[in-house]
Amino acid sequence: MRMAFLSLLFLPGLANAAPGQDPRTQCLFVPDIRETQIVDDNTLIYHMRDHAQYRVNMLTSCFGLKQEPDGYTFVQDSLETEQLCANQATIRLNSLRSICQLGNFTRIK
C-alpha cells in the first residue's frame, strides 16, 4: 500500500468527538496525525499518534488521489485551530491541483 506524505504550514493529534456528539462534526487534531494511507480515490486512513485509526470517506470521488505522485496538502481555509473536521475540511492534490472534500470519519481501531 502506498503512504502519502502531508504538506502542512505547521507541525503535523486528535480532537475526538465528545460522547454523544454528532459524528459528522468530529475533528482530528492535525499534529496527532502520524501518517496517512491512501486506500483509493474515495478513502483515506489516518493513523494517529495514540495508535487509533480513522477511515475518512470523501464526500465525492477524489479522482487521481490514489495515483497522486506528489501527495496532497490540506487547504488552509479548511483548518481551524489545526483541526480537520468531518464534512468540512478539504485537500488539494499537489500535481493535479484538484480540490476534494473530506466526508465522515469512522474510527476503525
PDB file of N, CA and C in Angstrom:
ATOM      1  N   MET A   1       0.837  -1.186   0.000  1.00  0.00           N
ATOM      2  CA  MET A   1       0.000   0.000   0.000  1.00  0.00           C
ATOM      3  C   MET A   1       0.875   1.239   0.000  1.00  0.00           C
ATOM      4  N   ARG A   2       0.409   2.255  -0.638  1.00  0.00           N
ATOM      5  CA  ARG A   2       1.149   3.487  -0.742  1.00  0.00           C
ATOM      6  C   ARG A   2       0.778   4.419   0.389  1.00  0.00           C
ATOM      7  N   MET A   3       1.764   5.047   0.993  1.00  0.00           N
ATOM      8  CA  MET A   3       1.513   6.032   2.041  1.00  0.00           C
ATOM      9  C   MET A   3       1.736   7.420   1.450  1.00  0.00           C
ATOM     10  N   ALA A   4       0.906   8.335   1.822  1.00  0.00           N
ATOM     11  CA  ALA A   4       1.037   9.704   1.340  1.00  0.00           C
ATOM     12  C   ALA A   4       1.798  10.528   2.356  1.00  0.00           C
ATOM     13  N   PHE A   5       2.445  11.563   1.879  1.00  0.00           N
ATOM     14  CA  PHE A   5       3.047  12.475   2.820  1.00  0.00           C
ATOM     15  C   PHE A   5       2.143  13.695   2.922  1.00  0.00           C
ATOM     16  N   LEU A   6       2.187  14.341   4.056  1.00  0.00           N
ATOM     17  CA  LEU A   6       1.353  15.508   4.291  1.00  0.00           C
ATOM     18  C   LEU A   6       2.202  16.752   4.211  1.00  0.00           C
ATOM     19  N   SER A   7       1.706  17.752   3.564  1.00  0.00           N
ATOM     20  CA  SER A   7       2.401  19.014   3.470  1.00  0.00           C
ATOM     21  C   SER A   7       1.583  20.025   4.267  1.00  0.00           C
ATOM     22  N   LEU A   8       2.161  20.520   5.351  1.00  0.00           N
ATOM     23  CA  LEU A   8       1.440  21.429   6.233  1.00  0.00           C
ATOM     24  C   LEU A   8       2.214  22.712   6.434  1.00  0.00           C
ATOM     25  N   LEU A   9       1.529  23.753   6.809  1.00  0.00           N
ATOM     26  CA  LEU A   9       2.185  25.006   7.123  1.00  0.00           C
ATOM     27  C   LEU A   9       2.680  25.032   8.564  1.00  0.00           C
ATOM     28  N   PHE A  10       2.348  24.041   9.335  1.00  0.00           N
ATOM     29  CA  PHE A  10       2.790  23.924  10.719  1.00  0.00           C
ATOM     30  C   PHE A  10       3.035  22.458  11.008  1.00  0.00           C
ATOM     31  N   LEU A  11       3.533  22.152  12.189  1.00  0.00           N
ATOM     32  CA  LEU A  11       3.854  20.766  12.504  1.00  0.00           C
ATOM     33  C   LEU A  11       2.654  19.850  12.405  1.00  0.00           C
ATOM     34  N   PRO A  12       2.976  18.532  11.935  1.00  0.00           N
ATOM     35  CA  PRO A  12       1.878  17.616  11.882  1.00  0.00           C
ATOM     36  C   PRO A  12       1.388  17.239  13.268  1.00  0.00           C
ATOM     37  N   GLY A  13      -2.414  15.209  16.121  1.00  0.00           N
ATOM     38  CA  GLY A  13      -3.119  14.871  17.135  1.00  0.00           C
ATOM     39  C   GLY A  13      -4.554  14.606  16.939  1.00  0.00           C
ATOM     40  N   LEU A  14      -5.506  14.571  17.978  1.00  0.00           N
ATOM     41  CA  LEU A  14      -6.855  14.031  17.790  1.00  0.00           C
ATOM     42  C   LEU A  14      -7.799  14.746  18.710  1.00  0.00           C
ATOM     43  N   ALA A  15      -8.721  15.431  18.174  1.00  0.00           N
ATOM     44  CA  ALA A  15      -9.777  16.021  18.975  1.00  0.00           C
ATOM     45  C   ALA A  15     -10.994  15.146  18.746  1.00  0.00           C
ATOM     46  N   ASN A  16     -11.192  14.198  19.605  1.00  0.00           N
ATOM     47  CA  ASN A  16     -12.310  13.268  19.442  1.00  0.00           C
ATOM     48  C   ASN A  16     -13.630  13.978  19.597  1.00  0.00           C
ATOM     49  N   ALA A  17     -14.616  13.426  18.958  1.00  0.00           N
ATOM     50  CA  ALA A  17     -15.963  13.904  19.208  1.00  0.00           C
ATOM     51  C   ALA A  17     -16.293  13.553  20.653  1.00  0.00           C
ATOM     52  N   ALA A  18     -16.905  14.461  21.325  1.00  0.00           N
ATOM     53  CA  ALA A  18     -17.301  14.197  22.705  1.00  0.00           C
ATOM     54  C   ALA A  18     -18.370  13.119  22.720  1.00  0.00           C
ATOM     55  N   PRO A  19     -18.458  12.350  23.822  1.00  0.00           N
ATOM     56  CA  PRO A  19     -19.510  11.334  23.886  1.00  0.00           C
ATOM     57  C   PRO A  19     -20.869  11.951  23.558  1.00  0.00           C
ATOM     58  N   GLY A  20     -21.572  11.319  22.656  1.00  0.00           N
ATOM     59  CA  GLY A  20     -22.883  11.816  22.266  1.00  0.00           C
ATOM     60  C   GLY A  20     -22.840  12.895  21.198  1.00  0.00           C
ATOM     61  N   GLN A  21     -21.626  13.368  20.826  1.00  0.00           N
ATOM     62  CA  GLN A  21     -21.517  14.406  19.807  1.00  0.00           C
ATOM     63  C   GLN A  21     -21.801  13.811  18.441  1.00  0.00           C
ATOM     64  N   ASP A  22     -22.408  14.562  17.585  1.00  0.00           N
ATOM     65  CA  ASP A  22     -22.716  14.134  16.235  1.00  0.00           C
ATOM     66  C   ASP A  22     -21.411  13.794  15.509  1.00  0.00           C
ATOM     67  N   PRO A  23     -21.252  12.556  14.997  1.00  0.00           N
ATOM     68  CA  PRO A  23     -20.001  12.171  14.339  1.00  0.00           C
ATOM     69  C   PRO A  23     -19.695  12.988  13.091  1.00  0.00           C
ATOM     70  N   ARG A  24     -20.704  13.637  12.524  1.00  0.00           N
ATOM     71  CA  ARG A  24     -20.449  14.470  11.346  1.00  0.00           C
ATOM     72  C   ARG A  24     -19.624  15.689  11.690  1.00  0.00           C
ATOM     73  N   THR A  25     -19.537  16.050  12.970  1.00  0.00           N
ATOM     74  CA  THR A  25     -18.741  17.205  13.366  1.00  0.00           C
ATOM     75  C   THR A  25     -17.464  16.783  14.082  1.00  0.00           C
ATOM     76  N   GLN A  26     -17.126  15.515  14.013  1.00  0.00           N
ATOM     77  CA  GLN A  26     -15.904  15.031  14.632  1.00  0.00           C
ATOM     78  C   GLN A  26     -14.697  15.667  13.947  1.00  0.00           C
ATOM     79  N   CYS A  27     -13.684  15.983  14.750  1.00  0.00           N
ATOM     80  CA  CYS A  27     -12.474  16.596  14.224  1.00  0.00           C
ATOM     81  C   CYS A  27     -11.242  15.816  14.664  1.00  0.00           C
ATOM     82  N   LEU A  28     -10.233  15.803  13.807  1.00  0.00           N
ATOM     83  CA  LEU A  28      -8.939  15.222  14.131  1.00  0.00           C
ATOM     84  C   LEU A  28      -7.954  16.368  14.306  1.00  0.00           C
ATOM     85  N   PHE A  29      -7.136  16.294  15.340  1.00  0.00           N
ATOM     86  CA  PHE A  29      -6.137  17.310  15.611  1.00  0.00           C
ATOM     87  C   PHE A  29      -4.921  16.999  14.741  1.00  0.00           C
ATOM     88  N   VAL A  30      -4.617  17.863  13.797  1.00  0.00           N
ATOM     89  CA  VAL A  30      -3.608  17.608  12.778  1.00  0.00           C
ATOM     90  C   VAL A  30      -2.242  17.217  13.352  1.00  0.00           C
ATOM     91  N   PRO A  31      -1.730  17.864  14.392  1.00  0.00           N
ATOM     92  CA  PRO A  31      -0.421  17.447  14.901  1.00  0.00           C
ATOM     93  C   PRO A  31      -0.385  16.016  15.436  1.00  0.00           C
ATOM     94  N   ASP A  32      -1.537  15.383  15.680  1.00  0.00           N
ATOM     95  CA  ASP A  32      -1.559  13.999  16.149  1.00  0.00           C
ATOM     96  C   ASP A  32      -1.631  12.977  15.018  1.00  0.00           C
ATOM     97  N   ILE A  33      -1.702  13.433  13.772  1.00  0.00           N
ATOM     98  CA  ILE A  33      -1.719  12.505  12.648  1.00  0.00           C
ATOM     99  C   ILE A  33      -0.283  12.054  12.385  1.00  0.00           C
ATOM    100  N   ARG A  34      -0.068  10.742  12.532  1.00  0.00           N
ATOM    101  CA  ARG A  34       1.277  10.173  12.352  1.00  0.00           C
ATOM    102  C   ARG A  34       1.549   9.900  10.876  1.00  0.00           C
ATOM    103  N   GLU A  35       0.585   9.321  10.191  1.00  0.00           N
ATOM    104  CA  GLU A  35       0.717   9.061   8.762  1.00  0.00           C
ATOM    105  C   GLU A  35      -0.660   8.881   8.138  1.00  0.00           C
ATOM    106  N   THR A  36      -0.668   8.973   6.812  1.00  0.00           N
ATOM    107  CA  THR A  36      -1.906   8.836   6.059  1.00  0.00           C
ATOM    108  C   THR A  36      -1.751   7.717   5.049  1.00  0.00           C
ATOM    109  N   GLN A  37      -2.752   6.870   4.977  1.00  0.00           N
ATOM    110  CA  GLN A  37      -2.773   5.788   3.998  1.00  0.00           C
ATOM    111  C   GLN A  37      -3.864   6.099   2.989  1.00  0.00           C
ATOM    112  N   ILE A  38      -3.495   6.108   1.720  1.00  0.00           N
ATOM    113  CA  ILE A  38      -4.482   6.323   0.663  1.00  0.00           C
ATOM    114  C   ILE A  38      -4.957   4.952   0.214  1.00  0.00           C
ATOM    115  N   VAL A  39      -6.235   4.658   0.439  1.00  0.00           N
ATOM    116  CA  VAL A  39      -6.804   3.358   0.089  1.00  0.00           C
ATOM    117  C   VAL A  39      -7.245   3.344  -1.371  1.00  0.00           C
ATOM    118  N   ASP A  40      -7.981   4.361  -1.770  1.00  0.00           N
ATOM    119  CA  ASP A  40      -8.462   4.501  -3.135  1.00  0.00           C
ATOM    120  C   ASP A  40      -8.866   5.952  -3.336  1.00  0.00           C
ATOM    121  N   ASP A  41      -9.504   6.266  -4.451  1.00  0.00           N
ATOM    122  CA  ASP A  41      -9.894   7.656  -4.727  1.00  0.00           C
ATOM    123  C   ASP A  41     -11.013   8.164  -3.827  1.00  0.00           C
ATOM    124  N   ASN A  42     -11.568   7.287  -2.989  1.00  0.00           N
ATOM    125  CA  ASN A  42     -12.667   7.678  -2.102  1.00  0.00           C
ATOM    126  C   ASN A  42     -12.332   7.601  -0.624  1.00  0.00           C
ATOM    127  N   THR A  43     -11.175   7.007  -0.278  1.00  0.00           N
ATOM    128  CA  THR A  43     -10.931   6.661   1.119  1.00  0.00           C
ATOM    129  C   THR A  43      -9.493   6.924   1.558  1.00  0.00           C
ATOM    130  N   LEU A  44      -9.367   7.551   2.724  1.00  0.00           N
ATOM    131  CA  LEU A  44      -8.081   7.731   3.398  1.00  0.00           C
ATOM    132  C   LEU A  44      -8.165   7.052   4.751  1.00  0.00           C
ATOM    133  N   ILE A  45      -7.037   6.634   5.296  1.00  0.00           N
ATOM    134  CA  ILE A  45      -6.984   6.182   6.688  1.00  0.00           C
ATOM    135  C   ILE A  45      -5.919   7.009   7.381  1.00  0.00           C
ATOM    136  N   TYR A  46      -6.328   7.714   8.439  1.00  0.00           N
ATOM    137  CA  TYR A  46      -5.386   8.482   9.254  1.00  0.00           C
ATOM    138  C   TYR A  46      -4.942   7.627  10.418  1.00  0.00           C
ATOM    139  N   HIS A  47      -3.641   7.455  10.563  1.00  0.00           N
ATOM    140  CA  HIS A  47      -3.025   6.730  11.670  1.00  0.00           C
ATOM    141  C   HIS A  47      -2.565   7.783  12.673  1.00  0.00           C
ATOM    142  N   MET A  48      -3.072   7.690  13.895  1.00  0.00           N
ATOM    143  CA  MET A  48      -2.828   8.710  14.905  1.00  0.00           C
ATOM    144  C   MET A  48      -1.680   8.310  15.830  1.00  0.00           C
ATOM    145  N   ARG A  49      -1.144   9.285  16.521  1.00  0.00           N
ATOM    146  CA  ARG A  49      -0.064   9.031  17.477  1.00  0.00           C
ATOM    147  C   ARG A  49      -0.466   8.059  18.575  1.00  0.00           C
ATOM    148  N   ASP A  50      -1.729   8.048  18.976  1.00  0.00           N
ATOM    149  CA  ASP A  50      -2.192   7.140  20.035  1.00  0.00           C
ATOM    150  C   ASP A  50      -2.556   5.760  19.469  1.00  0.00           C
ATOM    151  N   HIS A  51      -2.187   5.498  18.221  1.00  0.00           N
ATOM    152  CA  HIS A  51      -2.414   4.248  17.501  1.00  0.00           C
ATOM    153  C   HIS A  51      -3.859   4.045  17.050  1.00  0.00           C
ATOM    154  N   ALA A  52      -4.721   5.006  17.280  1.00  0.00           N
ATOM    155  CA  ALA A  52      -6.078   4.945  16.731  1.00  0.00           C
ATOM    156  C   ALA A  52      -5.973   5.110  15.214  1.00  0.00           C
ATOM    157  N   GLN A  53      -6.961   4.587  14.509  1.00  0.00           N
ATOM    158  CA  GLN A  53      -7.032   4.749  13.063  1.00  0.00           C
ATOM    159  C   GLN A  53      -8.437   5.223  12.696  1.00  0.00           C
ATOM    160  N   TYR A  54      -8.498   6.170  11.778  1.00  0.00           N
ATOM    161  CA  TYR A  54      -9.769   6.714  11.316  1.00  0.00           C
ATOM    162  C   TYR A  54      -9.855   6.587   9.804  1.00  0.00           C
ATOM    163  N   ARG A  55     -10.939   5.968   9.337  1.00  0.00           N
ATOM    164  CA  ARG A  55     -11.220   5.918   7.907  1.00  0.00           C
ATOM    165  C   ARG A  55     -11.985   7.190   7.561  1.00  0.00           C
ATOM    166  N   VAL A  56     -11.563   7.834   6.498  1.00  0.00           N
ATOM    167  CA  VAL A  56     -12.225   9.053   6.038  1.00  0.00           C
ATOM    168  C   VAL A  56     -12.745   8.790   4.637  1.00  0.00           C
ATOM    169  N   ASN A  57     -14.040   8.907   4.479  1.00  0.00           N
ATOM    170  CA  ASN A  57     -14.657   8.779   3.163  1.00  0.00           C
ATOM    171  C   ASN A  57     -14.807  10.169   2.574  1.00  0.00           C
ATOM    172  N   MET A  58     -14.412  10.318   1.325  1.00  0.00           N
ATOM    173  CA  MET A  58     -14.557  11.601   0.647  1.00  0.00           C
ATOM    174  C   MET A  58     -16.044  11.838   0.362  1.00  0.00           C
ATOM    175  N   LEU A  59     -16.455  13.092   0.331  1.00  0.00           N
ATOM    176  CA  LEU A  59     -17.860  13.389   0.023  1.00  0.00           C
ATOM    177  C   LEU A  59     -18.203  12.962  -1.403  1.00  0.00           C
ATOM    178  N   THR A  60     -17.267  13.148  -2.313  1.00  0.00           N
ATOM    179  CA  THR A  60     -17.399  12.643  -3.678  1.00  0.00           C
ATOM    180  C   THR A  60     -16.056  12.039  -4.056  1.00  0.00           C
ATOM    181  N   SER A  61     -16.034  11.225  -5.088  1.00  0.00           N
ATOM    182  CA  SER A  61     -14.778  10.609  -5.503  1.00  0.00           C
ATOM    183  C   SER A  61     -13.737  11.687  -5.793  1.00  0.00           C
ATOM    184  N   CYS A  62     -12.543  11.456  -5.314  1.00  0.00           N
ATOM    185  CA  CYS A  62     -11.433  12.392  -5.494  1.00  0.00           C
ATOM    186  C   CYS A  62     -10.524  11.828  -6.585  1.00  0.00           C
ATOM    187  N   PHE A  63     -10.915  12.034  -7.826  1.00  0.00           N
ATOM    188  CA  PHE A  63     -10.238  11.448  -8.967  1.00  0.00           C
ATOM    189  C   PHE A  63      -8.738  11.729  -8.933  1.00  0.00           C
ATOM    190  N   GLY A  64      -7.943  10.662  -8.994  1.00  0.00           N
ATOM    191  CA  GLY A  64      -6.490  10.791  -9.028  1.00  0.00           C
ATOM    192  C   GLY A  64      -5.806  10.683  -7.680  1.00  0.00           C
ATOM    193  N   LEU A  65      -6.568  10.631  -6.590  1.00  0.00           N
ATOM    194  CA  LEU A  65      -5.973  10.591  -5.255  1.00  0.00           C
ATOM    195  C   LEU A  65      -5.043   9.398  -5.087  1.00  0.00           C
ATOM    196  N   LYS A  66      -5.481   8.222  -5.485  1.00  0.00           N
ATOM    197  CA  LYS A  66      -4.687   7.002  -5.293  1.00  0.00           C
ATOM    198  C   LYS A  66      -3.371   7.055  -6.079  1.00  0.00           C
ATOM    199  N   GLN A  67      -3.366   7.658  -7.242  1.00  0.00           N
ATOM    200  CA  GLN A  67      -2.180   7.704  -8.081  1.00  0.00           C
ATOM    201  C   GLN A  67      -1.373   8.992  -7.934  1.00  0.00           C
ATOM    202  N   GLU A  68      -1.808   9.905  -7.090  1.00  0.00           N
ATOM    203  CA  GLU A  68      -1.148  11.208  -6.934  1.00  0.00           C
ATOM    204  C   GLU A  68       0.323  11.023  -6.535  1.00  0.00           C
ATOM    205  N   PRO A  69       1.272  11.368  -7.420  1.00  0.00           N
ATOM    206  CA  PRO A  69       2.685  11.151  -7.110  1.00  0.00           C
ATOM    207  C   PRO A  69       3.248  12.139  -6.088  1.00  0.00           C
ATOM    208  N   ASP A  70       2.649  13.307  -5.969  1.00  0.00           N
ATOM    209  CA  ASP A  70       3.183  14.348  -5.089  1.00  0.00           C
ATOM    210  C   ASP A  70       2.387  14.539  -3.810  1.00  0.00           C
ATOM    211  N   GLY A  71       1.500  13.598  -3.485  1.00  0.00           N
ATOM    212  CA  GLY A  71       0.720  13.706  -2.255  1.00  0.00           C
ATOM    213  C   GLY A  71      -0.325  14.809  -2.315  1.00  0.00           C
ATOM    214  N   TYR A  72      -0.733  15.256  -1.145  1.00  0.00           N
ATOM    215  CA  TYR A  72      -1.740  16.310  -1.083  1.00  0.00           C
ATOM    216  C   TYR A  72      -1.429  17.260   0.061  1.00  0.00           C
ATOM    217  N   THR A  73      -2.097  18.394   0.024  1.00  0.00           N
ATOM    218  CA  THR A  73      -1.932  19.439   1.031  1.00  0.00           C
ATOM    219  C   THR A  73      -3.298  19.768   1.593  1.00  0.00           C
ATOM    220  N   PHE A  74      -3.381  19.951   2.900  1.00  0.00           N
ATOM    221  CA  PHE A  74      -4.628  20.443   3.483  1.00  0.00           C
ATOM    222  C   PHE A  74      -4.828  21.872   3.010  1.00  0.00           C
ATOM    223  N   VAL A  75      -6.033  22.196   2.608  1.00  0.00           N
ATOM    224  CA  VAL A  75      -6.334  23.557   2.184  1.00  0.00           C
ATOM    225  C   VAL A  75      -6.450  24.397   3.448  1.00  0.00           C
ATOM    226  N   GLN A  76      -5.640  25.416   3.547  1.00  0.00           N
ATOM    227  CA  GLN A  76      -5.532  26.205   4.779  1.00  0.00           C
ATOM    228  C   GLN A  76      -6.879  26.753   5.247  1.00  0.00           C
ATOM    229  N   ASP A  77      -7.725  27.170   4.324  1.00  0.00           N
ATOM    230  CA  ASP A  77      -9.025  27.731   4.711  1.00  0.00           C
ATOM    231  C   ASP A  77      -9.901  26.729   5.441  1.00  0.00           C
ATOM    232  N   SER A  78      -9.610  25.432   5.285  1.00  0.00           N
ATOM    233  CA  SER A  78     -10.460  24.430   5.921  1.00  0.00           C
ATOM    234  C   SER A  78     -10.003  24.091   7.333  1.00  0.00           C
ATOM    235  N   LEU A  79      -8.845  24.600   7.748  1.00  0.00           N
ATOM    236  CA  LEU A  79      -8.320  24.279   9.073  1.00  0.00           C
ATOM    237  C   LEU A  79      -8.703  25.356  10.088  1.00  0.00           C
ATOM    238  N   GLU A  80      -9.223  24.915  11.211  1.00  0.00           N
ATOM    239  CA  GLU A  80      -9.484  25.804  12.336  1.00  0.00           C
ATOM    240  C   GLU A  80      -8.743  25.229  13.512  1.00  0.00           C
ATOM    241  N   THR A  81      -7.877  25.998  14.096  1.00  0.00           N
ATOM    242  CA  THR A  81      -7.088  25.560  15.244  1.00  0.00           C
ATOM    243  C   THR A  81      -6.465  24.192  15.022  1.00  0.00           C
ATOM    244  N   GLU A  82      -5.873  24.003  13.860  1.00  0.00           N
ATOM    245  CA  GLU A  82      -5.158  22.781  13.499  1.00  0.00           C
ATOM    246  C   GLU A  82      -6.030  21.531  13.560  1.00  0.00           C
ATOM    247  N   GLN A  83      -7.297  21.652  13.206  1.00  0.00           N
ATOM    248  CA  GLN A  83      -8.198  20.514  13.222  1.00  0.00           C
ATOM    249  C   GLN A  83      -8.756  20.250  11.828  1.00  0.00           C
ATOM    250  N   LEU A  84      -8.909  18.968  11.525  1.00  0.00           N
ATOM    251  CA  LEU A  84      -9.628  18.543  10.324  1.00  0.00           C
ATOM    252  C   LEU A  84     -10.987  18.081  10.797  1.00  0.00           C
ATOM    253  N   CYS A  85     -12.026  18.678  10.321  1.00  0.00           N
ATOM    254  CA  CYS A  85     -13.372  18.322  10.777  1.00  0.00           C
ATOM    255  C   CYS A  85     -14.142  17.633   9.656  1.00  0.00           C
ATOM    256  N   ALA A  86     -14.845  16.577  10.031  1.00  0.00           N
ATOM    257  CA  ALA A  86     -15.637  15.799   9.081  1.00  0.00           C
ATOM    258  C   ALA A  86     -16.605  16.707   8.332  1.00  0.00           C
ATOM    259  N   ASN A  87     -16.730  16.456   7.046  1.00  0.00           N
ATOM    260  CA  ASN A  87     -17.657  17.179   6.166  1.00  0.00           C
ATOM    261  C   ASN A  87     -17.333  18.660   6.022  1.00  0.00           C
ATOM    262  N   GLN A  88     -16.133  19.073   6.425  1.00  0.00           N
ATOM    263  CA  GLN A  88     -15.747  20.480   6.309  1.00  0.00           C
ATOM    264  C   GLN A  88     -14.376  20.666   5.672  1.00  0.00           C
ATOM    265  N   ALA A  89     -13.398  19.849   6.068  1.00  0.00           N
ATOM    266  CA  ALA A  89     -12.025  20.023   5.607  1.00  0.00           C
ATOM    267  C   ALA A  89     -11.872  19.613   4.143  1.00  0.00           C
ATOM    268  N   THR A  90     -10.922  20.252   3.471  1.00  0.00           N
ATOM    269  CA  THR A  90     -10.635  19.931   2.075  1.00  0.00           C
ATOM    270  C   THR A  90      -9.138  19.709   1.897  1.00  0.00           C
ATOM    271  N   ILE A  91      -8.798  18.944   0.861  1.00  0.00           N
ATOM    272  CA  ILE A  91      -7.406  18.719   0.493  1.00  0.00           C
ATOM    273  C   ILE A  91      -7.221  19.112  -0.962  1.00  0.00           C
ATOM    274  N   ARG A  92      -5.968  19.438  -1.334  1.00  0.00           N
ATOM    275  CA  ARG A  92      -5.630  19.743  -2.726  1.00  0.00           C
ATOM    276  C   ARG A  92      -4.600  18.729  -3.186  1.00  0.00           C
ATOM    277  N   LEU A  93      -4.865  18.029  -4.271  1.00  0.00           N
ATOM    278  CA  LEU A  93      -3.887  17.120  -4.848  1.00  0.00           C
ATOM    279  C   LEU A  93      -2.770  17.975  -5.440  1.00  0.00           C
ATOM    280  N   ASN A  94      -1.541  17.717  -5.023  1.00  0.00           N
ATOM    281  CA  ASN A  94      -0.446  18.620  -5.354  1.00  0.00           C
ATOM    282  C   ASN A  94      -0.116  18.722  -6.838  1.00  0.00           C
ATOM    283  N   SER A  95      -0.123  17.624  -7.583  1.00  0.00           N
ATOM    284  CA  SER A  95       0.219  17.741  -9.004  1.00  0.00           C
ATOM    285  C   SER A  95      -0.996  18.059  -9.867  1.00  0.00           C
ATOM    286  N   LEU A  96      -2.158  17.521  -9.515  1.00  0.00           N
ATOM    287  CA  LEU A  96      -3.364  17.764 -10.306  1.00  0.00           C
ATOM    288  C   LEU A  96      -4.055  19.073  -9.939  1.00  0.00           C
ATOM    289  N   ARG A  97      -3.785  19.558  -8.732  1.00  0.00           N
ATOM    290  CA  ARG A  97      -4.380  20.806  -8.210  1.00  0.00           C
ATOM    291  C   ARG A  97      -5.882  20.713  -7.991  1.00  0.00           C
ATOM    292  N   SER A  98      -6.444  19.514  -8.024  1.00  0.00           N
ATOM    293  CA  SER A  98      -7.885  19.392  -7.772  1.00  0.00           C
ATOM    294  C   SER A  98      -8.147  19.437  -6.268  1.00  0.00           C
ATOM    295  N   ILE A  99      -9.333  19.892  -5.908  1.00  0.00           N
ATOM    296  CA  ILE A  99      -9.743  20.042  -4.512  1.00  0.00           C
ATOM    297  C   ILE A  99     -10.777  18.968  -4.203  1.00  0.00           C
ATOM    298  N   CYS A 100     -10.607  18.304  -3.042  1.00  0.00           N
ATOM    299  CA  CYS A 100     -11.522  17.248  -2.626  1.00  0.00           C
ATOM    300  C   CYS A 100     -11.948  17.503  -1.183  1.00  0.00           C
ATOM    301  N   GLN A 101     -13.210  17.245  -0.879  1.00  0.00           N
ATOM    302  CA  GLN A 101     -13.732  17.479   0.470  1.00  0.00           C
ATOM    303  C   GLN A 101     -13.830  16.177   1.250  1.00  0.00           C
ATOM    304  N   LEU A 102     -13.306  16.207   2.495  1.00  0.00           N
ATOM    305  CA  LEU A 102     -13.393  15.062   3.371  1.00  0.00           C
ATOM    306  C   LEU A 102     -14.821  14.898   3.862  1.00  0.00           C
ATOM    307  N   GLY A 103     -15.264  13.645   3.965  1.00  0.00           N
ATOM    308  CA  GLY A 103     -16.603  13.347   4.474  1.00  0.00           C
ATOM    309  C   GLY A 103     -16.531  12.904   5.921  1.00  0.00           C
ATOM    310  N   ASN A 104     -17.274  11.848   6.234  1.00  0.00           N
ATOM    311  CA  ASN A 104     -17.338  11.344   7.614  1.00  0.00           C
ATOM    312  C   ASN A 104     -16.065  10.618   8.020  1.00  0.00           C
ATOM    313  N   PHE A 105     -15.760  10.669   9.327  1.00  0.00           N
ATOM    314  CA  PHE A 105     -14.640   9.942   9.914  1.00  0.00           C
ATOM    315  C   PHE A 105     -15.220   8.764  10.689  1.00  0.00           C
ATOM    316  N   THR A 106     -14.641   7.582  10.510  1.00  0.00           N
ATOM    317  CA  THR A 106     -15.073   6.400  11.250  1.00  0.00           C
ATOM    318  C   THR A 106     -13.857   5.804  11.922  1.00  0.00           C
ATOM    319  N   ARG A 107     -13.913   5.680  13.248  1.00  0.00           N
ATOM    320  CA  ARG A 107     -12.807   5.057  13.964  1.00  0.00           C
ATOM    321  C   ARG A 107     -12.824   3.557  13.658  1.00  0.00           C
ATOM    322  N   ILE A 108     -11.704   3.017  13.180  1.00  0.00           N
ATOM    323  CA  ILE A 108     -11.622   1.606  12.837  1.00  0.00           C
ATOM    324  C   ILE A 108     -10.684   0.844  13.767  1.00  0.00           C
ATOM    325  N   LYS A 109      -9.938   1.531  14.574  1.00  0.00           N
ATOM    326  CA  LYS A 109      -9.046   0.891  15.542  1.00  0.00           C
ATOM    327  C   LYS A 109      -8.771   1.830  16.689  1.00  0.00           C
TER     328      LYS A 109
END
